[in-house]
Amino acid sequence: MDTLTSTTERLIKIDEVLHICGLSRSSLYATIQRGEFPTQVKLSKKSSAWLHSEVIA
């Protein structure tokens, strides 16, 4: 296995997170509030994403 591949992390936007989890947007944010789902990473003032590995876990 290539070491670069194993250390590369993907950032995914909310639409992909919702698709992977099968949750609605409001359910996702409620789950985050309860501490049962990883929080998003702020990319800019109006943009955020999640680490793919955390969403899968």
N, C-alpha and C. Protein backbone atom coordinates (compact mmCIF):
# COMPACT_ATOMS: atom_id res chain seq x y z
N MET A 1 0.84 -1.18 0.00
CA MET A 1 0.00 0.00 0.00
C MET A 1 0.89 1.24 0.00
N ASP A 2 0.53 2.21 -0.77
CA ASP A 2 1.27 3.45 -0.88
C ASP A 2 1.12 4.26 0.41
N THR A 3 2.23 4.73 0.98
CA THR A 3 2.15 5.49 2.23
C THR A 3 1.44 6.82 2.04
N LEU A 4 1.55 7.42 0.88
CA LEU A 4 0.86 8.68 0.62
C LEU A 4 -0.65 8.49 0.68
N THR A 5 -1.13 7.41 0.12
CA THR A 5 -2.55 7.11 0.13
C THR A 5 -3.07 6.89 1.54
N SER A 6 -2.30 6.21 2.36
CA SER A 6 -2.76 5.90 3.71
C SER A 6 -2.75 7.11 4.64
N THR A 7 -2.03 8.17 4.30
CA THR A 7 -1.97 9.35 5.16
C THR A 7 -2.79 10.51 4.61
N THR A 8 -3.35 10.38 3.44
CA THR A 8 -4.13 11.44 2.84
C THR A 8 -5.54 11.43 3.41
N GLU A 9 -6.00 12.58 3.85
CA GLU A 9 -7.34 12.72 4.42
C GLU A 9 -8.20 13.55 3.48
N ARG A 10 -9.43 13.10 3.31
CA ARG A 10 -10.37 13.78 2.44
C ARG A 10 -11.33 14.61 3.28
N LEU A 11 -11.64 15.80 2.83
CA LEU A 11 -12.68 16.62 3.43
C LEU A 11 -13.94 16.47 2.60
N ILE A 12 -15.06 16.27 3.26
CA ILE A 12 -16.31 16.11 2.51
C ILE A 12 -17.33 17.15 2.99
N LYS A 13 -18.12 17.60 2.06
CA LYS A 13 -19.13 18.62 2.33
C LYS A 13 -20.40 17.97 2.85
N ILE A 14 -21.32 18.79 3.31
CA ILE A 14 -22.51 18.31 4.00
C ILE A 14 -23.37 17.37 3.16
N ASP A 15 -23.51 17.62 1.88
CA ASP A 15 -24.34 16.74 1.06
C ASP A 15 -23.82 15.30 1.07
N GLU A 16 -22.50 15.15 1.00
CA GLU A 16 -21.93 13.80 1.04
C GLU A 16 -22.06 13.19 2.43
N VAL A 17 -21.90 14.01 3.48
CA VAL A 17 -22.08 13.52 4.85
C VAL A 17 -23.49 12.99 5.03
N LEU A 18 -24.48 13.76 4.58
CA LEU A 18 -25.88 13.36 4.71
C LEU A 18 -26.15 12.07 3.93
N HIS A 19 -25.56 11.95 2.77
CA HIS A 19 -25.72 10.74 1.95
C HIS A 19 -25.13 9.52 2.65
N ILE A 20 -23.95 9.68 3.22
CA ILE A 20 -23.28 8.57 3.90
C ILE A 20 -24.07 8.14 5.14
N CYS A 21 -24.53 9.11 5.91
CA CYS A 21 -25.18 8.82 7.20
C CYS A 21 -26.66 8.51 7.09
N GLY A 22 -27.30 9.01 6.05
CA GLY A 22 -28.73 8.81 5.91
C GLY A 22 -29.55 9.67 6.85
N LEU A 23 -28.97 10.74 7.37
CA LEU A 23 -29.66 11.65 8.27
C LEU A 23 -30.15 12.88 7.52
N SER A 24 -31.15 13.55 8.08
CA SER A 24 -31.54 14.85 7.56
C SER A 24 -30.55 15.88 8.10
N ARG A 25 -30.55 17.05 7.53
CA ARG A 25 -29.65 18.12 7.97
C ARG A 25 -29.88 18.44 9.45
N SER A 26 -31.14 18.60 9.84
CA SER A 26 -31.44 18.96 11.23
C SER A 26 -31.06 17.83 12.19
N SER A 27 -31.26 16.58 11.78
CA SER A 27 -30.87 15.45 12.63
C SER A 27 -29.35 15.38 12.78
N LEU A 28 -28.64 15.68 11.71
CA LEU A 28 -27.18 15.68 11.77
C LEU A 28 -26.70 16.69 12.79
N TYR A 29 -27.20 17.92 12.72
CA TYR A 29 -26.74 18.96 13.65
C TYR A 29 -27.18 18.67 15.08
N ALA A 30 -28.33 18.05 15.28
CA ALA A 30 -28.77 17.65 16.62
C ALA A 30 -27.83 16.59 17.18
N THR A 31 -27.41 15.66 16.34
CA THR A 31 -26.50 14.60 16.74
C THR A 31 -25.13 15.19 17.11
N ILE A 32 -24.69 16.19 16.37
CA ILE A 32 -23.44 16.89 16.69
C ILE A 32 -23.57 17.58 18.04
N GLN A 33 -24.70 18.25 18.28
CA GLN A 33 -24.93 18.95 19.55
C GLN A 33 -24.86 18.00 20.74
N ARG A 34 -25.34 16.79 20.58
CA ARG A 34 -25.31 15.78 21.64
C ARG A 34 -23.93 15.14 21.81
N GLY A 35 -23.01 15.47 20.92
CA GLY A 35 -21.67 14.91 21.00
C GLY A 35 -21.57 13.50 20.45
N GLU A 36 -22.54 13.11 19.63
CA GLU A 36 -22.58 11.76 19.09
C GLU A 36 -22.10 11.67 17.64
N PHE A 37 -21.64 12.78 17.10
CA PHE A 37 -21.14 12.82 15.73
C PHE A 37 -20.01 13.83 15.69
N PRO A 38 -18.97 13.59 14.88
CA PRO A 38 -17.84 14.53 14.82
C PRO A 38 -18.28 15.91 14.33
N THR A 39 -17.62 16.92 14.87
CA THR A 39 -17.91 18.28 14.44
C THR A 39 -17.20 18.59 13.13
N GLN A 40 -17.70 19.57 12.45
CA GLN A 40 -17.13 19.97 11.18
C GLN A 40 -15.89 20.84 11.37
N VAL A 41 -15.08 20.92 10.32
CA VAL A 41 -13.89 21.75 10.28
C VAL A 41 -14.26 23.01 9.51
N LYS A 42 -14.00 24.16 10.08
CA LYS A 42 -14.32 25.43 9.42
C LYS A 42 -13.27 25.71 8.35
N LEU A 43 -13.73 25.89 7.11
CA LEU A 43 -12.81 26.17 6.01
C LEU A 43 -12.71 27.66 5.73
N SER A 44 -13.81 28.36 5.88
CA SER A 44 -13.85 29.80 5.72
C SER A 44 -15.05 30.31 6.51
N LYS A 45 -15.35 31.58 6.38
CA LYS A 45 -16.45 32.17 7.13
C LYS A 45 -17.79 31.47 6.85
N LYS A 46 -18.00 31.05 5.62
CA LYS A 46 -19.27 30.45 5.22
C LYS A 46 -19.16 29.00 4.75
N SER A 47 -18.04 28.36 5.00
CA SER A 47 -17.84 27.01 4.49
C SER A 47 -17.22 26.10 5.55
N SER A 48 -17.73 24.88 5.59
CA SER A 48 -17.16 23.89 6.49
C SER A 48 -17.26 22.51 5.85
N ALA A 49 -16.51 21.58 6.40
CA ALA A 49 -16.50 20.21 5.88
C ALA A 49 -16.15 19.27 7.02
N TRP A 50 -16.30 17.99 6.77
CA TRP A 50 -15.99 16.96 7.75
C TRP A 50 -14.86 16.11 7.23
N LEU A 51 -14.09 15.53 8.16
CA LEU A 51 -13.05 14.58 7.77
C LEU A 51 -13.75 13.27 7.41
N HIS A 52 -13.48 12.75 6.24
CA HIS A 52 -14.11 11.54 5.75
C HIS A 52 -13.91 10.38 6.72
N SER A 53 -12.71 10.22 7.23
CA SER A 53 -12.43 9.10 8.13
C SER A 53 -13.27 9.17 9.41
N GLU A 54 -13.52 10.37 9.93
CA GLU A 54 -14.33 10.53 11.14
C GLU A 54 -15.80 10.20 10.86
N VAL A 55 -16.28 10.60 9.70
CA VAL A 55 -17.69 10.32 9.34
C VAL A 55 -17.89 8.81 9.18
N ILE A 56 -16.95 8.14 8.54
CA ILE A 56 -17.03 6.70 8.33
C ILE A 56 -16.96 5.94 9.66
N ALA A 57 -16.11 6.43 10.56
CA ALA A 57 -15.95 5.77 11.87
C ALA A 57 -17.22 5.90 12.67
